[in-house]
Protein backbone atom coordinates (compact mmCIF):
# COMPACT_ATOMS: atom_id res chain seq x y z
CA UNK A 1 44.50 61.26 -23.89
CA UNK A 2 46.17 63.46 -21.34
CA UNK A 3 49.83 65.23 -22.38
CA UNK A 4 51.49 63.25 -20.05
CA UNK A 5 49.75 59.64 -21.06
CA UNK A 6 51.06 60.92 -24.65
CA UNK A 7 54.64 61.56 -23.62
CA UNK A 8 55.02 58.21 -21.47
CA UNK A 9 53.82 56.41 -24.63
CA UNK A 10 56.02 57.93 -27.13
CA UNK A 11 58.97 57.05 -24.34
CA UNK A 12 58.04 53.71 -24.38
CA UNK A 13 58.01 53.32 -28.23
CA UNK A 14 61.18 55.04 -28.51
CA UNK A 15 62.77 52.72 -26.01
CA UNK A 16 61.50 49.86 -27.61
CA UNK A 17 62.84 51.06 -30.88
CA UNK A 18 66.34 51.42 -29.33
CA UNK A 19 65.90 47.95 -27.74
CA UNK A 20 65.22 46.33 -31.27
CA UNK A 21 68.25 48.00 -32.76
CA UNK A 22 70.52 46.71 -30.15
CA UNK A 23 68.89 43.21 -30.39
CA UNK A 24 69.64 42.86 -33.98
CA UNK A 25 73.42 41.76 -33.21
CA UNK A 26 71.83 38.61 -31.93
CA UNK A 27 70.39 37.80 -35.28
CA UNK A 28 72.79 35.92 -37.68
CA UNK A 29 71.49 35.93 -41.44
CA UNK A 30 71.28 32.40 -42.69
CA UNK A 31 69.09 33.26 -46.36
CA UNK A 32 68.33 36.73 -46.91
CA UNK A 33 66.35 37.30 -49.96
CA UNK A 34 64.63 40.55 -49.19
CA UNK A 35 66.08 41.69 -52.52
CA UNK A 36 63.32 40.21 -53.99
CA UNK A 37 60.77 41.53 -52.05
CA UNK A 38 58.44 44.08 -54.40
CA UNK A 39 56.84 47.27 -52.87
CA UNK A 40 53.27 45.91 -52.72
CA UNK A 41 54.15 42.55 -51.22
CA UNK A 42 52.25 41.41 -47.99
CA UNK A 43 54.58 39.89 -45.91
CA UNK A 44 54.65 37.10 -42.99
CA UNK A 45 57.22 37.67 -39.95
CA UNK A 46 57.44 34.70 -37.44
CA UNK A 47 59.68 33.66 -34.68
CA UNK A 48 60.07 29.84 -34.09
CA UNK A 49 61.64 26.84 -32.58
CA UNK A 50 61.26 23.29 -33.74
CA UNK A 51 58.44 23.45 -36.04
CA UNK A 52 59.38 21.51 -39.16
CA UNK A 53 56.26 19.14 -38.96
CA UNK A 54 54.05 22.10 -39.22
CA UNK A 55 56.01 24.68 -41.63
CA UNK A 56 54.82 22.99 -45.02
CA UNK A 57 51.29 23.55 -44.69
CA UNK A 58 52.15 26.65 -42.71
CA UNK A 59 53.81 28.00 -45.92
CA UNK A 60 50.96 26.94 -48.23
CA UNK A 61 48.32 28.14 -46.10
CA UNK A 62 49.83 32.04 -46.37
CA UNK A 63 51.09 31.59 -49.75
CA UNK A 64 47.37 30.62 -50.85
CA UNK A 65 46.12 33.54 -49.34
CA UNK A 66 48.85 35.68 -51.21
CA UNK A 67 51.68 36.12 -48.83
CA UNK A 68 54.66 36.80 -51.02
CA UNK A 69 57.47 36.11 -48.45
CA UNK A 70 57.98 35.20 -45.30
CA UNK A 71 60.85 36.35 -43.01
CA UNK A 72 61.40 34.17 -40.21
CA UNK A 73 63.74 34.14 -37.03
CA UNK A 74 64.71 30.52 -35.95
CA UNK A 75 65.65 30.29 -32.24
CA UNK A 76 67.71 27.19 -32.02
CA UNK A 77 65.87 24.72 -34.12
CA UNK A 78 67.62 21.10 -33.76
CA UNK A 79 64.71 19.14 -36.13
CA UNK A 80 65.80 20.23 -39.28
CA UNK A 81 63.23 23.32 -39.49
CA UNK A 82 65.97 25.90 -40.21
CA UNK A 83 67.43 23.96 -43.13
CA UNK A 84 64.36 23.13 -44.84
CA UNK A 85 63.17 27.25 -44.52
CA UNK A 86 66.62 28.11 -45.91
CA UNK A 87 65.74 26.22 -49.09
CA UNK A 88 62.57 28.08 -49.83
CA UNK A 89 62.80 31.11 -52.49
CA UNK A 90 59.86 33.13 -50.58
CA UNK A 91 61.71 32.85 -47.39
CA UNK A 92 64.34 34.82 -45.50
CA UNK A 93 65.76 33.51 -42.38
CA UNK A 94 68.00 34.44 -39.63
CA UNK A 95 68.91 32.09 -36.23
CA UNK A 96 69.75 33.03 -32.80
CA UNK A 97 70.87 30.82 -30.09
CA UNK A 98 70.14 34.14 -27.57
CA UNK A 99 67.28 33.76 -24.80
CA UNK A 100 63.76 34.18 -26.10
CA UNK A 101 62.75 35.74 -22.72
CA UNK A 102 65.26 38.42 -22.72
CA UNK A 103 63.90 39.32 -26.13
CA UNK A 104 60.79 40.32 -25.24
CA UNK A 105 59.62 36.53 -26.36
CA UNK A 106 60.75 37.42 -29.90
CA UNK A 107 59.12 40.83 -29.98
CA UNK A 108 62.65 42.70 -30.23
CA UNK A 109 63.72 40.82 -33.22
CA UNK A 110 60.76 40.79 -35.40
CA UNK A 111 60.44 44.42 -34.30
CA UNK A 112 63.96 45.09 -35.81
CA UNK A 113 63.16 43.33 -39.25
CA UNK A 114 59.83 44.75 -39.38
CA UNK A 115 61.65 47.96 -39.03
CA UNK A 116 64.08 47.30 -41.71
CA UNK A 117 62.28 45.60 -44.19
CA UNK A 118 58.48 46.13 -43.60
CA UNK A 119 57.94 49.91 -43.95
CA UNK A 120 55.17 50.31 -46.28
CA UNK A 121 53.95 46.75 -46.54
CA UNK A 122 50.89 44.91 -44.67
CA UNK A 123 52.53 42.53 -42.36
CA UNK A 124 51.43 39.60 -40.91
CA UNK A 125 52.98 38.53 -37.73
CA UNK A 126 51.79 34.97 -36.71
CA UNK A 127 52.96 31.65 -35.05
CA UNK A 128 53.09 28.75 -37.07
CA UNK A 129 50.53 27.13 -35.45
CA UNK A 130 48.01 30.48 -36.21
CA UNK A 131 45.97 30.79 -39.34
CA UNK A 132 44.22 33.65 -40.31
CA UNK A 133 40.63 33.53 -41.29
CA UNK A 134 39.11 36.86 -42.31
CA UNK A 135 35.21 37.71 -43.68
CA UNK A 136 35.16 36.36 -47.64
CA UNK A 137 38.33 34.51 -47.13
CA UNK A 138 36.81 31.60 -49.13
CA UNK A 139 36.51 33.78 -52.10
CA UNK A 140 38.74 36.71 -51.77
CA UNK A 141 42.64 36.76 -51.15
CA UNK A 142 44.26 38.99 -48.89
CA UNK A 143 44.83 41.31 -51.31
CA UNK A 144 41.21 42.23 -51.44
CA UNK A 145 41.15 42.69 -47.87
CA UNK A 146 44.02 44.86 -47.50
CA UNK A 147 43.05 46.82 -50.42
CA UNK A 148 39.65 47.37 -48.84
CA UNK A 149 41.46 48.77 -45.72
CA UNK A 150 43.73 51.14 -47.34
CA UNK A 151 40.77 52.68 -49.05
CA UNK A 152 39.08 52.93 -45.98
CA UNK A 153 42.17 54.44 -44.29
CA UNK A 154 42.48 51.62 -41.82
CA UNK A 155 46.00 50.47 -40.74
CA UNK A 156 45.42 47.47 -38.44
CA UNK A 157 43.18 44.56 -38.27
CA UNK A 158 41.92 42.69 -35.22
CA UNK A 159 41.62 38.91 -34.92
CA UNK A 160 40.73 37.02 -31.91
CA UNK A 161 42.88 33.75 -31.43
CA UNK A 162 40.36 30.83 -31.34
CA UNK A 163 42.04 27.78 -29.74
CA UNK A 164 40.82 24.62 -31.99
CA UNK A 165 41.11 20.82 -30.59
CA UNK A 166 40.29 17.51 -31.55
CA UNK A 167 37.33 15.55 -29.95
CA UNK A 168 39.15 12.88 -27.61
CA UNK A 169 42.58 12.71 -26.16
CA UNK A 170 44.88 14.82 -27.92
CA UNK A 171 47.25 12.19 -28.93
CA UNK A 172 44.22 9.81 -30.34
CA UNK A 173 45.19 11.18 -33.93
CA UNK A 174 48.91 11.60 -35.17
CA UNK A 175 49.80 14.64 -37.23
CA UNK A 176 51.28 14.14 -40.33
CA UNK A 177 53.55 16.85 -42.18
CA UNK A 178 51.82 18.71 -44.82
CA UNK A 179 48.39 17.92 -43.02
CA UNK A 180 45.60 20.51 -42.56
CA UNK A 181 45.68 20.46 -38.77
CA UNK A 182 42.00 21.35 -38.66
CA UNK A 183 41.10 17.76 -40.28
CA UNK A 184 42.01 16.93 -36.75
CA UNK A 185 41.76 19.83 -34.33
CA UNK A 186 38.40 20.82 -36.01
CA UNK A 187 36.33 21.87 -32.75
CA UNK A 188 36.20 24.87 -30.69
CA UNK A 189 34.33 26.74 -27.76
CA UNK A 190 31.65 29.26 -29.18
CA UNK A 191 31.36 30.96 -25.75
CA UNK A 192 32.78 31.77 -21.98
CA UNK A 193 34.96 34.66 -23.10
CA UNK A 194 36.04 37.67 -20.92
CA UNK A 195 36.45 40.85 -22.25
CA UNK A 196 37.68 44.19 -21.43
CA UNK A 197 39.40 47.36 -22.27
CA UNK A 198 42.86 48.26 -21.45
CA UNK A 199 42.38 51.76 -20.23
CA UNK A 200 46.16 52.93 -21.15
CA UNK A 201 46.81 51.29 -24.11
CA UNK A 202 43.07 51.31 -25.76
CA UNK A 203 43.45 47.83 -26.72
CA UNK A 204 40.64 45.19 -25.71
CA UNK A 205 42.14 42.16 -23.76
CA UNK A 206 40.31 38.62 -24.40
CA UNK A 207 40.61 35.58 -22.35
CA UNK A 208 38.64 32.23 -22.22
CA UNK A 209 37.79 29.24 -24.35
CA UNK A 210 39.24 25.73 -23.57
CA UNK A 211 42.28 26.94 -22.09
CA UNK A 212 40.73 28.76 -19.50
CA UNK A 213 38.16 26.30 -18.56
CA UNK A 214 40.79 22.94 -18.63
CA UNK A 215 43.87 24.47 -17.71
CA UNK A 216 43.14 27.65 -15.78
CA UNK A 217 39.87 26.84 -14.17
CA UNK A 218 41.16 28.03 -10.84
CA UNK A 219 42.72 31.57 -12.10
CA UNK A 220 41.17 32.35 -15.08
CA UNK A 221 42.58 35.74 -15.02
CA UNK A 222 46.27 33.78 -15.58
CA UNK A 223 45.01 32.30 -18.66
CA UNK A 224 46.67 33.17 -21.87
CA UNK A 225 45.09 36.77 -23.86
CA UNK A 226 43.51 36.03 -27.15
CA UNK A 227 43.38 39.37 -28.33
CA UNK A 228 45.53 40.06 -31.43
CA UNK A 229 46.56 42.81 -33.93
CA UNK A 230 48.32 40.48 -36.67
CA UNK A 231 47.76 42.35 -39.77
CA UNK A 232 49.14 46.00 -39.75
CA UNK A 233 50.28 48.30 -42.65
CA UNK A 234 53.62 48.87 -41.24
CA UNK A 235 55.59 52.03 -40.48
CA UNK A 236 58.98 52.06 -39.54
CA UNK A 237 57.86 54.34 -36.44
CA UNK A 238 55.60 51.42 -35.10
CA UNK A 239 56.47 48.99 -32.60
CA UNK A 240 54.86 45.72 -31.13
CA UNK A 241 54.77 45.65 -27.26
CA UNK A 242 53.31 42.28 -26.12
CA UNK A 243 53.45 39.78 -28.84
CA UNK A 244 50.73 40.98 -31.09
CA UNK A 245 48.43 41.76 -28.34
CA UNK A 246 49.57 45.43 -28.16
CA UNK A 247 51.29 47.72 -30.55
CA UNK A 248 52.46 51.23 -30.50
CA UNK A 249 51.57 54.06 -31.43
CA UNK A 250 48.21 53.86 -29.15
CA UNK A 251 45.56 54.39 -31.92
CA UNK A 252 46.32 50.97 -34.06
CA UNK A 253 44.89 49.26 -30.62
CA UNK A 254 41.41 50.53 -31.45
CA UNK A 255 40.61 47.43 -34.15
CA UNK A 256 36.93 47.69 -32.49
CA UNK A 257 34.35 50.49 -32.96
CA UNK A 258 33.30 52.30 -29.76
CA UNK A 259 30.20 53.87 -30.68
CA UNK A 260 27.75 50.63 -31.42
CA UNK A 261 28.79 49.51 -34.69
CA UNK A 262 31.26 47.02 -35.62
CA UNK A 263 34.45 46.88 -37.32
CA UNK A 264 35.90 44.35 -39.96
CA UNK A 265 37.69 41.63 -37.76
CA UNK A 266 38.93 38.21 -38.16
CA UNK A 267 40.06 35.12 -36.10
CA UNK A 268 43.15 33.39 -35.75
CA UNK A 269 42.61 29.52 -35.91
CA UNK A 270 45.06 28.07 -33.47
CA UNK A 271 46.21 24.69 -33.93
CA UNK A 272 48.16 24.55 -30.76
CA UNK A 273 46.09 20.86 -29.61
CA UNK A 274 47.70 18.24 -31.44
CA UNK A 275 49.23 15.15 -30.63
CA UNK A 276 52.80 17.12 -30.79
CA UNK A 277 51.42 19.16 -27.86
CA UNK A 278 52.39 17.12 -24.91
CA UNK A 279 56.13 16.91 -26.14
CA UNK A 280 56.34 20.58 -26.97
CA UNK A 281 54.61 21.59 -23.26
CA UNK A 282 57.37 19.30 -21.34
CA UNK A 283 59.98 21.09 -23.80
CA UNK A 284 59.13 24.56 -23.31
CA UNK A 285 58.56 23.95 -19.29
CA UNK A 286 62.13 22.83 -19.30
CA UNK A 287 63.80 25.59 -21.15
CA UNK A 288 61.92 28.41 -19.18
CA UNK A 289 61.65 30.82 -21.66
CA UNK A 290 58.05 32.09 -21.48
CA UNK A 291 56.13 34.61 -19.91
CA UNK A 292 55.82 34.80 -16.10
CA UNK A 293 58.16 31.76 -15.22
CA UNK A 294 56.79 29.67 -17.78
CA UNK A 295 53.07 29.22 -15.54
CA UNK A 296 51.25 28.53 -18.60
CA UNK A 297 53.34 25.50 -19.54
CA UNK A 298 53.43 24.18 -16.08
CA UNK A 299 49.73 24.11 -15.92
CA UNK A 300 49.93 22.56 -19.25
CA UNK A 301 51.98 19.76 -18.06
CA UNK A 302 50.28 19.40 -14.71
CA UNK A 303 47.01 18.69 -16.25
CA UNK A 304 48.21 16.66 -19.42
CA UNK A 305 49.05 14.10 -16.87
CA UNK A 306 45.32 13.14 -17.32
CA UNK A 307 45.39 12.84 -20.70
CA UNK A 308 42.42 15.69 -21.17
CA UNK A 309 39.77 15.82 -23.57
CA UNK A 310 39.16 19.46 -24.26
CA UNK A 311 35.97 18.57 -26.20
CA UNK A 312 32.51 19.11 -24.09
CA UNK A 313 28.97 19.26 -24.96
CA UNK A 314 29.09 22.94 -25.63
CA UNK A 315 31.97 22.35 -28.36
CA UNK A 316 31.36 23.66 -32.00
CA UNK A 317 32.40 22.06 -34.99
CA UNK A 318 34.11 24.62 -37.49
CA UNK A 319 32.49 24.81 -40.90
CA UNK A 320 33.43 28.32 -42.14
CA UNK A 321 33.96 31.58 -41.47
CA UNK A 322 30.38 32.61 -41.49
CA UNK A 323 29.93 30.39 -38.75
CA UNK A 324 32.17 32.55 -36.73
CA UNK A 325 30.50 35.65 -37.89
CA UNK A 326 26.86 34.39 -36.70
CA UNK A 327 28.67 33.46 -33.17
CA UNK A 328 30.08 36.92 -32.79
CA UNK A 329 33.23 36.03 -33.00
CA UNK A 330 34.48 37.99 -35.84
CA UNK A 331 33.04 40.21 -38.16
CA UNK A 332 32.62 41.31 -41.44
CA UNK A 333 31.98 45.04 -40.44
CA UNK A 334 30.72 47.19 -43.54
CA UNK A 335 32.84 45.00 -45.94
CA UNK A 336 30.44 43.95 -48.48
């Protein structure tokens, strides 16, 4: 990497840190329990809006993995979710009515909270419909993974976003509060993914899966990115740029092996496609707070009129993480 490129990246990182510092004024404290965070606690950070029905399972899932504290920004929910979270003893919550779009889609808010509370902690940044699966997650807690990463000198862990969906119309099976969403959305695409490397930031860019084939058939390059770096041993000098797709310093983006081997990686099982999806897509289309003028949600709204069934004859039914490793979607690397 040249001197000029290195300078540009440092400047961009500083600008994002300053921006996050300014955006802190948009956050109002509802329940701040960060005083109970211990030095070695694993933390979850999330931004959400109107996700009340998902919250019980989301919290339980990550508690069971070994997460100790949740730091959440609520962006103007009116479904009772903010009040529910405020009652949870392991949750600290802030609220804001400010523009999601103008905060770089929530990244500025979380960058500030991570800078203030996450220094020295392993932190996991996920949405309420994203569930981390990693090698041996059925027998080893998240602490086992982070301890191994620490021992290996690795400070960031990559995970591909894997869109899960039901067999049949999306609204055929109602989702109930507290239910495992993968009891319903248990299918995924095992192939049709496109991968390329971003030469400037060094991260991989992955697209494809059911959203590309169902909603972006005519414009696959406009389909949502599936590459994520959700788990990081945080330092106050770090900053996310675009959701968890890109992070600075640049070296944290290299969650893959360039020399023919494999680094350990995971998956974020994405429970987006439940019966709640149509109403959510319509709401977000009206709000117009998402990337590129909301073209993603316009595409969803257009195709949902036909009540699509995302299942196809090439769909795979989810079994466990070992299945994903066999399919080449994730890897245990040299973690035995």
